[in-house]
Amino acid sequence: MTIGRDLLTKAETVTVAAIEAGVPALIEAREIIAEFHLMTRRKTEAGFIPWIERARASLVSSFASGVAKDETAVRAAITSPWSNGQTEGQITRLKLVRRQMYGRGKIDLLQARLIGAE
């Protein structure tokens, strides 16, 4: 439901249309999510407050409430040129390797697995 319509196959388009016909509120929810995605991609916060108000009255109200609670951080994330994606990726990789070792993840073994993997 979050993929652009132009990227869907014919079968996926038919499926999405059938789901939206059965649950019309999904159409609005999809539009709201698309607007948020567009704000983040364009790095513009224009229309942010109206977006929160519209989203709070839809199926994505819990997401909108979370965004509203941390409004300053979300605004900074939208407008800032900085990203912590690289850091988060490294942390995720470290956790994956640690979980794969089932508790044998002492510092020397972790170091060997992570440095040797690069």
N, C-alpha and C. Protein backbone atom coordinates (compact mmCIF):
# COMPACT_ATOMS: atom_id res chain seq x y z
N MET A 1 0.82 -1.20 0.00
CA MET A 1 0.00 0.00 0.00
C MET A 1 0.86 1.27 0.00
N THR A 2 2.15 1.16 0.30
CA THR A 2 2.99 2.36 0.34
C THR A 2 3.83 2.53 -0.92
N ILE A 3 3.82 1.56 -1.79
CA ILE A 3 4.57 1.66 -3.05
C ILE A 3 3.77 2.51 -4.03
N GLY A 4 4.47 3.33 -4.80
CA GLY A 4 3.81 4.17 -5.79
C GLY A 4 3.01 3.35 -6.79
N ARG A 5 1.89 3.88 -7.20
CA ARG A 5 1.02 3.15 -8.13
C ARG A 5 1.72 2.80 -9.44
N ASP A 6 2.60 3.66 -9.90
CA ASP A 6 3.29 3.40 -11.16
C ASP A 6 4.30 2.26 -11.07
N LEU A 7 4.63 1.81 -9.87
CA LEU A 7 5.58 0.72 -9.68
C LEU A 7 4.92 -0.63 -9.47
N LEU A 8 3.59 -0.65 -9.40
CA LEU A 8 2.87 -1.90 -9.17
C LEU A 8 2.66 -2.68 -10.46
N THR A 9 2.64 -4.00 -10.34
CA THR A 9 2.30 -4.82 -11.48
C THR A 9 0.78 -4.74 -11.69
N LYS A 10 0.31 -5.29 -12.79
CA LYS A 10 -1.13 -5.27 -13.06
C LYS A 10 -1.90 -6.03 -11.99
N ALA A 11 -1.38 -7.19 -11.59
CA ALA A 11 -2.05 -7.99 -10.56
C ALA A 11 -2.07 -7.25 -9.23
N GLU A 12 -0.98 -6.59 -8.89
CA GLU A 12 -0.93 -5.83 -7.64
C GLU A 12 -1.89 -4.64 -7.68
N THR A 13 -2.00 -4.01 -8.82
CA THR A 13 -2.93 -2.88 -8.98
C THR A 13 -4.36 -3.33 -8.77
N VAL A 14 -4.71 -4.48 -9.32
CA VAL A 14 -6.06 -5.02 -9.16
C VAL A 14 -6.31 -5.36 -7.69
N THR A 15 -5.32 -5.96 -7.04
CA THR A 15 -5.46 -6.32 -5.63
C THR A 15 -5.65 -5.07 -4.76
N VAL A 16 -4.84 -4.05 -5.00
CA VAL A 16 -4.95 -2.80 -4.22
C VAL A 16 -6.32 -2.16 -4.45
N ALA A 17 -6.78 -2.16 -5.69
CA ALA A 17 -8.10 -1.58 -5.99
C ALA A 17 -9.21 -2.33 -5.27
N ALA A 18 -9.10 -3.65 -5.23
CA ALA A 18 -10.11 -4.45 -4.53
C ALA A 18 -10.10 -4.18 -3.03
N ILE A 19 -8.92 -4.07 -2.46
CA ILE A 19 -8.81 -3.78 -1.03
C ILE A 19 -9.38 -2.40 -0.72
N GLU A 20 -9.02 -1.41 -1.55
CA GLU A 20 -9.51 -0.05 -1.32
C GLU A 20 -11.01 0.05 -1.51
N ALA A 21 -11.57 -0.76 -2.41
CA ALA A 21 -13.02 -0.76 -2.59
C ALA A 21 -13.71 -1.30 -1.34
N GLY A 22 -13.09 -2.26 -0.69
CA GLY A 22 -13.65 -2.85 0.51
C GLY A 22 -13.45 -1.99 1.75
N VAL A 23 -12.35 -1.24 1.78
CA VAL A 23 -12.04 -0.39 2.93
C VAL A 23 -11.67 1.01 2.41
N PRO A 24 -12.66 1.86 2.16
CA PRO A 24 -12.39 3.18 1.57
C PRO A 24 -11.46 4.07 2.41
N ALA A 25 -11.41 3.85 3.71
CA ALA A 25 -10.53 4.68 4.55
C ALA A 25 -9.05 4.46 4.22
N LEU A 26 -8.74 3.33 3.58
CA LEU A 26 -7.35 3.06 3.19
C LEU A 26 -6.86 4.03 2.12
N ILE A 27 -7.77 4.52 1.29
CA ILE A 27 -7.38 5.47 0.25
C ILE A 27 -6.82 6.73 0.90
N GLU A 28 -7.54 7.26 1.89
CA GLU A 28 -7.07 8.45 2.58
C GLU A 28 -5.77 8.17 3.33
N ALA A 29 -5.69 7.02 3.98
CA ALA A 29 -4.47 6.66 4.72
C ALA A 29 -3.28 6.58 3.78
N ARG A 30 -3.49 6.02 2.62
CA ARG A 30 -2.41 5.92 1.64
C ARG A 30 -1.96 7.30 1.18
N GLU A 31 -2.91 8.20 0.96
CA GLU A 31 -2.57 9.56 0.55
C GLU A 31 -1.80 10.29 1.65
N ILE A 32 -2.20 10.09 2.89
CA ILE A 32 -1.53 10.74 4.02
C ILE A 32 -0.09 10.25 4.14
N ILE A 33 0.11 8.96 4.01
CA ILE A 33 1.46 8.40 4.08
C ILE A 33 2.30 8.91 2.91
N ALA A 34 1.70 9.01 1.74
CA ALA A 34 2.41 9.53 0.56
C ALA A 34 2.84 10.98 0.78
N GLU A 35 1.98 11.77 1.41
CA GLU A 35 2.33 13.17 1.72
C GLU A 35 3.52 13.24 2.66
N PHE A 36 3.51 12.40 3.69
CA PHE A 36 4.63 12.40 4.64
C PHE A 36 5.91 11.97 3.94
N HIS A 37 5.81 10.97 3.11
CA HIS A 37 6.96 10.49 2.36
C HIS A 37 7.50 11.61 1.47
N LEU A 38 6.62 12.34 0.84
CA LEU A 38 7.02 13.45 -0.02
C LEU A 38 7.70 14.57 0.78
N MET A 39 7.18 14.86 1.97
CA MET A 39 7.82 15.87 2.83
C MET A 39 9.25 15.47 3.17
N THR A 40 9.45 14.20 3.50
CA THR A 40 10.79 13.75 3.87
C THR A 40 11.73 13.72 2.66
N ARG A 41 11.23 13.32 1.51
CA ARG A 41 12.07 13.27 0.31
C ARG A 41 12.45 14.66 -0.19
N ARG A 42 11.52 15.59 -0.13
CA ARG A 42 11.78 16.96 -0.60
C ARG A 42 12.45 17.83 0.46
N LYS A 43 12.55 17.31 1.68
CA LYS A 43 13.16 18.04 2.79
C LYS A 43 12.45 19.37 3.04
N THR A 44 11.13 19.34 3.00
CA THR A 44 10.34 20.54 3.27
C THR A 44 9.28 20.22 4.30
N GLU A 45 9.12 21.13 5.25
CA GLU A 45 8.14 20.91 6.31
C GLU A 45 6.87 21.72 6.07
N ALA A 46 6.72 22.27 4.88
CA ALA A 46 5.51 23.04 4.56
C ALA A 46 4.30 22.11 4.66
N GLY A 47 3.29 22.54 5.39
CA GLY A 47 2.10 21.73 5.55
C GLY A 47 2.21 20.66 6.62
N PHE A 48 3.21 20.76 7.49
CA PHE A 48 3.44 19.74 8.51
C PHE A 48 2.30 19.68 9.54
N ILE A 49 1.91 20.84 10.07
CA ILE A 49 0.84 20.88 11.08
C ILE A 49 -0.50 20.44 10.49
N PRO A 50 -0.90 20.93 9.30
CA PRO A 50 -2.14 20.41 8.71
C PRO A 50 -2.07 18.90 8.44
N TRP A 51 -0.88 18.42 8.10
CA TRP A 51 -0.72 16.97 7.87
C TRP A 51 -1.00 16.20 9.16
N ILE A 52 -0.47 16.69 10.28
CA ILE A 52 -0.69 16.01 11.56
C ILE A 52 -2.18 15.98 11.89
N GLU A 53 -2.85 17.11 11.70
CA GLU A 53 -4.29 17.17 12.00
C GLU A 53 -5.09 16.22 11.11
N ARG A 54 -4.75 16.19 9.83
CA ARG A 54 -5.45 15.28 8.91
C ARG A 54 -5.16 13.82 9.27
N ALA A 55 -3.91 13.53 9.60
CA ALA A 55 -3.52 12.15 9.91
C ALA A 55 -4.14 11.67 11.22
N ARG A 56 -4.32 12.56 12.16
CA ARG A 56 -4.93 12.17 13.45
C ARG A 56 -6.38 11.72 13.29
N ALA A 57 -7.03 12.16 12.22
CA ALA A 57 -8.42 11.78 12.00
C ALA A 57 -8.54 10.61 11.02
N SER A 58 -7.45 9.87 10.82
CA SER A 58 -7.47 8.77 9.85
C SER A 58 -7.02 7.47 10.49
N LEU A 59 -6.80 6.46 9.65
CA LEU A 59 -6.33 5.16 10.13
C LEU A 59 -4.90 5.20 10.66
N VAL A 60 -4.14 6.24 10.32
CA VAL A 60 -2.76 6.33 10.76
C VAL A 60 -2.64 7.28 11.96
N SER A 61 -3.68 7.34 12.77
CA SER A 61 -3.71 8.28 13.90
C SER A 61 -2.62 7.98 14.93
N SER A 62 -2.32 6.72 15.17
CA SER A 62 -1.29 6.41 16.16
C SER A 62 0.08 6.88 15.67
N PHE A 63 0.34 6.74 14.38
CA PHE A 63 1.59 7.24 13.80
C PHE A 63 1.65 8.76 13.93
N ALA A 64 0.54 9.43 13.62
CA ALA A 64 0.48 10.89 13.71
C ALA A 64 0.68 11.36 15.14
N SER A 65 0.14 10.64 16.10
CA SER A 65 0.32 11.01 17.51
C SER A 65 1.78 10.91 17.91
N GLY A 66 2.43 9.86 17.46
CA GLY A 66 3.86 9.70 17.73
C GLY A 66 4.69 10.80 17.10
N VAL A 67 4.34 11.18 15.88
CA VAL A 67 5.04 12.27 15.21
C VAL A 67 4.81 13.58 15.95
N ALA A 68 3.58 13.81 16.40
CA ALA A 68 3.26 15.05 17.11
C ALA A 68 3.97 15.13 18.46
N LYS A 69 4.11 14.00 19.15
CA LYS A 69 4.79 13.98 20.44
C LYS A 69 6.26 14.38 20.31
N ASP A 70 6.86 14.01 19.20
CA ASP A 70 8.27 14.30 18.98
C ASP A 70 8.44 15.25 17.79
N GLU A 71 7.61 16.28 17.77
CA GLU A 71 7.53 17.19 16.61
C GLU A 71 8.87 17.84 16.28
N THR A 72 9.60 18.31 17.28
CA THR A 72 10.87 18.98 16.98
C THR A 72 11.88 18.03 16.34
N ALA A 73 11.93 16.81 16.82
CA ALA A 73 12.87 15.84 16.24
C ALA A 73 12.46 15.48 14.82
N VAL A 74 11.17 15.35 14.57
CA VAL A 74 10.70 15.01 13.22
C VAL A 74 10.98 16.17 12.27
N ARG A 75 10.72 17.39 12.72
CA ARG A 75 11.02 18.57 11.89
C ARG A 75 12.51 18.62 11.55
N ALA A 76 13.35 18.35 12.55
CA ALA A 76 14.80 18.36 12.32
C ALA A 76 15.19 17.25 11.34
N ALA A 77 14.57 16.09 11.47
CA ALA A 77 14.88 14.98 10.57
C ALA A 77 14.46 15.30 9.13
N ILE A 78 13.36 16.01 8.98
CA ILE A 78 12.88 16.36 7.64
C ILE A 78 13.78 17.40 6.99
N THR A 79 14.16 18.42 7.75
CA THR A 79 14.88 19.54 7.15
C THR A 79 16.40 19.42 7.20
N SER A 80 16.92 18.62 8.09
CA SER A 80 18.37 18.51 8.26
C SER A 80 19.02 17.72 7.13
N PRO A 81 20.19 18.16 6.68
CA PRO A 81 20.90 17.39 5.65
C PRO A 81 21.64 16.19 6.24
N TRP A 82 21.70 16.10 7.56
CA TRP A 82 22.43 15.03 8.23
C TRP A 82 21.56 13.80 8.41
N SER A 83 22.22 12.64 8.41
CA SER A 83 21.51 11.38 8.59
C SER A 83 22.35 10.45 9.47
N ASN A 84 21.68 9.65 10.27
CA ASN A 84 22.41 8.66 11.08
C ASN A 84 22.22 7.26 10.49
N GLY A 85 21.86 7.19 9.23
CA GLY A 85 21.62 5.91 8.57
C GLY A 85 22.83 4.99 8.58
N GLN A 86 24.01 5.54 8.34
CA GLN A 86 25.23 4.73 8.33
C GLN A 86 25.47 4.12 9.71
N THR A 87 25.31 4.92 10.74
CA THR A 87 25.49 4.42 12.12
C THR A 87 24.49 3.34 12.43
N GLU A 88 23.22 3.58 12.12
CA GLU A 88 22.17 2.59 12.40
C GLU A 88 22.43 1.28 11.66
N GLY A 89 22.92 1.38 10.44
CA GLY A 89 23.24 0.18 9.67
C GLY A 89 24.34 -0.65 10.31
N GLN A 90 25.37 0.03 10.82
CA GLN A 90 26.47 -0.68 11.48
C GLN A 90 25.99 -1.33 12.77
N ILE A 91 25.15 -0.64 13.53
CA ILE A 91 24.61 -1.20 14.77
C ILE A 91 23.75 -2.43 14.47
N THR A 92 22.92 -2.34 13.45
CA THR A 92 22.07 -3.47 13.06
C THR A 92 22.93 -4.66 12.66
N ARG A 93 24.01 -4.41 11.91
CA ARG A 93 24.90 -5.49 11.50
C ARG A 93 25.57 -6.13 12.72
N LEU A 94 26.01 -5.32 13.65
CA LEU A 94 26.64 -5.84 14.87
C LEU A 94 25.67 -6.71 15.66
N LYS A 95 24.44 -6.25 15.82
CA LYS A 95 23.44 -7.03 16.55
C LYS A 95 23.12 -8.34 15.84
N LEU A 96 23.07 -8.31 14.51
CA LEU A 96 22.81 -9.53 13.75
C LEU A 96 23.90 -10.56 13.98
N VAL A 97 25.14 -10.12 13.90
CA VAL A 97 26.26 -11.04 14.11
C VAL A 97 26.22 -11.59 15.53
N ARG A 98 25.95 -10.74 16.51
CA ARG A 98 25.89 -11.17 17.90
C ARG A 98 24.79 -12.22 18.11
N ARG A 99 23.63 -11.99 17.51
CA ARG A 99 22.53 -12.95 17.65
C ARG A 99 22.85 -14.28 16.98
N GLN A 100 23.57 -14.23 15.88
CA GLN A 100 23.92 -15.46 15.17
C GLN A 100 24.84 -16.35 15.99
N MET A 101 25.57 -15.76 16.93
CA MET A 101 26.53 -16.52 17.70
C MET A 101 25.94 -17.11 18.99
N TYR A 102 24.67 -16.90 19.25
CA TYR A 102 23.97 -17.51 20.38
C TYR A 102 24.71 -17.37 21.70
N GLY A 103 25.05 -16.15 22.09
CA GLY A 103 25.67 -15.93 23.39
C GLY A 103 27.17 -16.10 23.43
N ARG A 104 27.77 -16.52 22.35
CA ARG A 104 29.23 -16.67 22.33
C ARG A 104 29.90 -15.38 21.88
N GLY A 105 29.17 -14.29 21.91
CA GLY A 105 29.65 -13.01 21.37
C GLY A 105 30.52 -12.21 22.30
N LYS A 106 31.61 -12.76 22.75
CA LYS A 106 32.57 -11.98 23.54
C LYS A 106 33.31 -11.04 22.59
N ILE A 107 33.99 -10.07 23.15
CA ILE A 107 34.58 -9.00 22.34
C ILE A 107 35.58 -9.52 21.31
N ASP A 108 36.40 -10.51 21.67
CA ASP A 108 37.40 -11.01 20.72
C ASP A 108 36.77 -11.71 19.53
N LEU A 109 35.72 -12.50 19.77
CA LEU A 109 35.03 -13.20 18.69
C LEU A 109 34.25 -12.22 17.82
N LEU A 110 33.59 -11.27 18.46
CA LEU A 110 32.86 -10.24 17.70
C LEU A 110 33.82 -9.46 16.81
N GLN A 111 34.98 -9.10 17.37
CA GLN A 111 35.96 -8.34 16.61
C GLN A 111 36.43 -9.14 15.40
N ALA A 112 36.69 -10.42 15.60
CA ALA A 112 37.12 -11.27 14.49
C ALA A 112 36.05 -11.40 13.42
N ARG A 113 34.80 -11.57 13.84
CA ARG A 113 33.70 -11.71 12.88
C ARG A 113 33.45 -10.43 12.09
N LEU A 114 33.47 -9.29 12.79
CA LEU A 114 33.13 -8.03 12.14
C LEU A 114 34.27 -7.47 11.30
N ILE A 115 35.47 -7.54 11.80
CA ILE A 115 36.61 -7.02 11.04
C ILE A 115 36.94 -7.95 9.88
N GLY A 116 36.82 -9.25 10.12
CA GLY A 116 37.08 -10.23 9.06
C GLY A 116 36.03 -10.19 7.96
N ALA A 117 34.80 -9.72 8.28
CA ALA A 117 33.71 -9.70 7.29
C ALA A 117 33.87 -8.57 6.29
N GLU A 118 34.62 -7.55 6.64
CA GLU A 118 34.77 -6.40 5.76
C GLU A 118 35.79 -6.68 4.75
